[in-house]
Amino acid sequence: AKTPLSCTILGMEIFGLHDAMWFALACLIAYFVSGKEGIYRYQK
């Protein structure tokens, strides 16, 4: 969720360009909601 641009591009490649705005919106929401820590909090 830390790469909103690549998330958007991947969605457009898989599902087509007609829903690009919705992919970008979903990826930006995921980016802002995800916070600073990843799923591997204690891994160094």
PDB file of N, CA and C in Angstrom:
ATOM      1  N   ALA A   1       0.813  -1.192   0.000  1.00  0.00           N
ATOM      2  CA  ALA A   1       0.000   0.000   0.000  1.00  0.00           C
ATOM      3  C   ALA A   1       0.856   1.254   0.000  1.00  0.00           C
ATOM      4  N   LYS A   2       2.151   1.066  -0.049  1.00  0.00           N
ATOM      5  CA  LYS A   2       3.044   2.223  -0.040  1.00  0.00           C
ATOM      6  C   LYS A   2       3.419   2.693  -1.440  1.00  0.00           C
ATOM      7  N   THR A   3       2.799   2.128  -2.445  1.00  0.00           N
ATOM      8  CA  THR A   3       3.107   2.505  -3.825  1.00  0.00           C
ATOM      9  C   THR A   3       1.817   2.757  -4.600  1.00  0.00           C
ATOM     10  N   PRO A   4       1.171   3.906  -4.375  1.00  0.00           N
ATOM     11  CA  PRO A   4      -0.127   4.148  -5.010  1.00  0.00           C
ATOM     12  C   PRO A   4      -0.065   4.229  -6.536  1.00  0.00           C
ATOM     13  N   LEU A   5       1.029   4.712  -7.083  1.00  0.00           N
ATOM     14  CA  LEU A   5       1.123   4.816  -8.540  1.00  0.00           C
ATOM     15  C   LEU A   5       1.193   3.432  -9.179  1.00  0.00           C
ATOM     16  N   SER A   6       2.035   2.561  -8.640  1.00  0.00           N
ATOM     17  CA  SER A   6       2.134   1.222  -9.226  1.00  0.00           C
ATOM     18  C   SER A   6       0.854   0.426  -9.015  1.00  0.00           C
ATOM     19  N   CYS A   7       0.188   0.643  -7.899  1.00  0.00           N
ATOM     20  CA  CYS A   7      -1.101   0.000  -7.642  1.00  0.00           C
ATOM     21  C   CYS A   7      -2.123   0.428  -8.697  1.00  0.00           C
ATOM     22  N   THR A   8      -2.157   1.690  -9.003  1.00  0.00           N
ATOM     23  CA  THR A   8      -3.091   2.215 -10.003  1.00  0.00           C
ATOM     24  C   THR A   8      -2.781   1.662 -11.389  1.00  0.00           C
ATOM     25  N   ILE A   9      -1.509   1.653 -11.753  1.00  0.00           N
ATOM     26  CA  ILE A   9      -1.111   1.152 -13.070  1.00  0.00           C
ATOM     27  C   ILE A   9      -1.424  -0.333 -13.199  1.00  0.00           C
ATOM     28  N   LEU A  10      -1.178  -1.099 -12.151  1.00  0.00           N
ATOM     29  CA  LEU A  10      -1.485  -2.529 -12.186  1.00  0.00           C
ATOM     30  C   LEU A  10      -2.981  -2.764 -12.370  1.00  0.00           C
ATOM     31  N   GLY A  11      -3.799  -1.998 -11.663  1.00  0.00           N
ATOM     32  CA  GLY A  11      -5.245  -2.116 -11.833  1.00  0.00           C
ATOM     33  C   GLY A  11      -5.688  -1.788 -13.245  1.00  0.00           C
ATOM     34  N   MET A  12      -5.072  -0.764 -13.844  1.00  0.00           N
ATOM     35  CA  MET A  12      -5.419  -0.395 -15.216  1.00  0.00           C
ATOM     36  C   MET A  12      -4.973  -1.460 -16.208  1.00  0.00           C
ATOM     37  N   GLU A  13      -3.826  -2.092 -15.955  1.00  0.00           N
ATOM     38  CA  GLU A  13      -3.358  -3.149 -16.853  1.00  0.00           C
ATOM     39  C   GLU A  13      -4.275  -4.364 -16.809  1.00  0.00           C
ATOM     40  N   ILE A  14      -4.743  -4.698 -15.623  1.00  0.00           N
ATOM     41  CA  ILE A  14      -5.562  -5.900 -15.473  1.00  0.00           C
ATOM     42  C   ILE A  14      -6.998  -5.674 -15.939  1.00  0.00           C
ATOM     43  N   PHE A  15      -7.604  -4.554 -15.534  1.00  0.00           N
ATOM     44  CA  PHE A  15      -9.028  -4.346 -15.759  1.00  0.00           C
ATOM     45  C   PHE A  15      -9.356  -3.337 -16.851  1.00  0.00           C
ATOM     46  N   GLY A  16      -8.370  -2.635 -17.384  1.00  0.00           N
ATOM     47  CA  GLY A  16      -8.616  -1.675 -18.450  1.00  0.00           C
ATOM     48  C   GLY A  16      -8.600  -0.234 -17.953  1.00  0.00           C
ATOM     49  N   LEU A  17      -8.543   0.683 -18.900  1.00  0.00           N
ATOM     50  CA  LEU A  17      -8.392   2.102 -18.579  1.00  0.00           C
ATOM     51  C   LEU A  17      -9.691   2.795 -18.183  1.00  0.00           C
ATOM     52  N   HIS A  18     -10.829   2.183 -18.453  1.00  0.00           N
ATOM     53  CA  HIS A  18     -12.102   2.870 -18.230  1.00  0.00           C
ATOM     54  C   HIS A  18     -12.407   3.112 -16.749  1.00  0.00           C
ATOM     55  N   ASP A  19     -11.766   2.388 -15.833  1.00  0.00           N
ATOM     56  CA  ASP A  19     -11.992   2.585 -14.394  1.00  0.00           C
ATOM     57  C   ASP A  19     -10.759   3.129 -13.680  1.00  0.00           C
ATOM     58  N   ALA A  20      -9.879   3.803 -14.400  1.00  0.00           N
ATOM     59  CA  ALA A  20      -8.614   4.268 -13.833  1.00  0.00           C
ATOM     60  C   ALA A  20      -8.812   5.202 -12.643  1.00  0.00           C
ATOM     61  N   MET A  21      -9.811   6.069 -12.708  1.00  0.00           N
ATOM     62  CA  MET A  21     -10.047   7.006 -11.611  1.00  0.00           C
ATOM     63  C   MET A  21     -10.373   6.262 -10.320  1.00  0.00           C
ATOM     64  N   TRP A  22     -11.158   5.190 -10.413  1.00  0.00           N
ATOM     65  CA  TRP A  22     -11.543   4.439  -9.216  1.00  0.00           C
ATOM     66  C   TRP A  22     -10.362   3.656  -8.648  1.00  0.00           C
ATOM     67  N   PHE A  23      -9.487   3.145  -9.529  1.00  0.00           N
ATOM     68  CA  PHE A  23      -8.285   2.466  -9.048  1.00  0.00           C
ATOM     69  C   PHE A  23      -7.384   3.447  -8.315  1.00  0.00           C
ATOM     70  N   ALA A  24      -7.219   4.637  -8.875  1.00  0.00           N
ATOM     71  CA  ALA A  24      -6.381   5.646  -8.237  1.00  0.00           C
ATOM     72  C   ALA A  24      -6.956   6.048  -6.887  1.00  0.00           C
ATOM     73  N   LEU A  25      -8.250   6.222  -6.811  1.00  0.00           N
ATOM     74  CA  LEU A  25      -8.888   6.589  -5.548  1.00  0.00           C
ATOM     75  C   LEU A  25      -8.703   5.493  -4.499  1.00  0.00           C
ATOM     76  N   ALA A  26      -8.927   4.248  -4.879  1.00  0.00           N
ATOM     77  CA  ALA A  26      -8.771   3.131  -3.942  1.00  0.00           C
ATOM     78  C   ALA A  26      -7.325   2.994  -3.479  1.00  0.00           C
ATOM     79  N   CYS A  27      -6.382   3.180  -4.378  1.00  0.00           N
ATOM     80  CA  CYS A  27      -4.969   3.064  -4.010  1.00  0.00           C
ATOM     81  C   CYS A  27      -4.531   4.210  -3.111  1.00  0.00           C
ATOM     82  N   LEU A  28      -5.026   5.409  -3.348  1.00  0.00           N
ATOM     83  CA  LEU A  28      -4.693   6.541  -2.478  1.00  0.00           C
ATOM     84  C   LEU A  28      -5.293   6.370  -1.085  1.00  0.00           C
ATOM     85  N   ILE A  29      -6.502   5.873  -1.009  1.00  0.00           N
ATOM     86  CA  ILE A  29      -7.112   5.611   0.300  1.00  0.00           C
ATOM     87  C   ILE A  29      -6.296   4.564   1.049  1.00  0.00           C
ATOM     88  N   ALA A  30      -5.905   3.490   0.371  1.00  0.00           N
ATOM     89  CA  ALA A  30      -5.090   2.449   1.002  1.00  0.00           C
ATOM     90  C   ALA A  30      -3.752   3.013   1.460  1.00  0.00           C
ATOM     91  N   TYR A  31      -3.173   3.906   0.672  1.00  0.00           N
ATOM     92  CA  TYR A  31      -1.890   4.518   1.027  1.00  0.00           C
ATOM     93  C   TYR A  31      -2.001   5.344   2.308  1.00  0.00           C
ATOM     94  N   PHE A  32      -3.042   6.159   2.418  1.00  0.00           N
ATOM     95  CA  PHE A  32      -3.183   7.020   3.585  1.00  0.00           C
ATOM     96  C   PHE A  32      -3.640   6.271   4.827  1.00  0.00           C
ATOM     97  N   VAL A  33      -4.388   5.206   4.658  1.00  0.00           N
ATOM     98  CA  VAL A  33      -4.905   4.446   5.796  1.00  0.00           C
ATOM     99  C   VAL A  33      -3.853   3.487   6.355  1.00  0.00           C
ATOM    100  N   SER A  34      -2.892   3.076   5.548  1.00  0.00           N
ATOM    101  CA  SER A  34      -1.964   2.019   5.945  1.00  0.00           C
ATOM    102  C   SER A  34      -0.994   2.421   7.053  1.00  0.00           C
ATOM    103  N   GLY A  35      -0.731   3.696   7.229  1.00  0.00           N
ATOM    104  CA  GLY A  35       0.170   4.127   8.291  1.00  0.00           C
ATOM    105  C   GLY A  35       1.634   3.926   7.939  1.00  0.00           C
ATOM    106  N   LYS A  36       2.501   4.087   8.945  1.00  0.00           N
ATOM    107  CA  LYS A  36       3.939   4.013   8.702  1.00  0.00           C
ATOM    108  C   LYS A  36       4.487   2.600   8.783  1.00  0.00           C
ATOM    109  N   GLU A  37       3.887   1.751   9.592  1.00  0.00           N
ATOM    110  CA  GLU A  37       4.408   0.404   9.780  1.00  0.00           C
ATOM    111  C   GLU A  37       3.760  -0.567   8.809  1.00  0.00           C
ATOM    112  N   GLY A  38       4.535  -1.538   8.383  1.00  0.00           N
ATOM    113  CA  GLY A  38       4.020  -2.572   7.496  1.00  0.00           C
ATOM    114  C   GLY A  38       3.506  -3.757   8.298  1.00  0.00           C
ATOM    115  N   ILE A  39       3.293  -4.857   7.611  1.00  0.00           N
ATOM    116  CA  ILE A  39       2.792  -6.046   8.295  1.00  0.00           C
ATOM    117  C   ILE A  39       3.906  -6.751   9.056  1.00  0.00           C
ATOM    118  N   TYR A  40       5.165  -6.444   8.735  1.00  0.00           N
ATOM    119  CA  TYR A  40       6.301  -7.047   9.423  1.00  0.00           C
ATOM    120  C   TYR A  40       6.905  -6.023  10.370  1.00  0.00           C
ATOM    121  N   ARG A  41       6.204  -5.714  11.415  1.00  0.00           N
ATOM    122  CA  ARG A  41       6.584  -4.650  12.334  1.00  0.00           C
ATOM    123  C   ARG A  41       7.948  -4.894  12.977  1.00  0.00           C
ATOM    124  N   TYR A  42       8.240  -6.119  13.377  1.00  0.00           N
ATOM    125  CA  TYR A  42       9.452  -6.394  14.141  1.00  0.00           C
ATOM    126  C   TYR A  42      10.605  -6.905  13.284  1.00  0.00           C
ATOM    127  N   GLN A  43      10.421  -7.008  12.001  1.00  0.00           N
ATOM    128  CA  GLN A  43      11.491  -7.459  11.125  1.00  0.00           C
ATOM    129  C   GLN A  43      12.445  -6.306  10.854  1.00  0.00           C
ATOM    130  N   LYS A  44      13.742  -6.591  10.874  1.00  0.00           N
ATOM    131  CA  LYS A  44      14.740  -5.543  10.624  1.00  0.00           C
ATOM    132  C   LYS A  44      15.500  -5.769   9.361  1.00  0.00           C
TER     133      LYS A  44
END
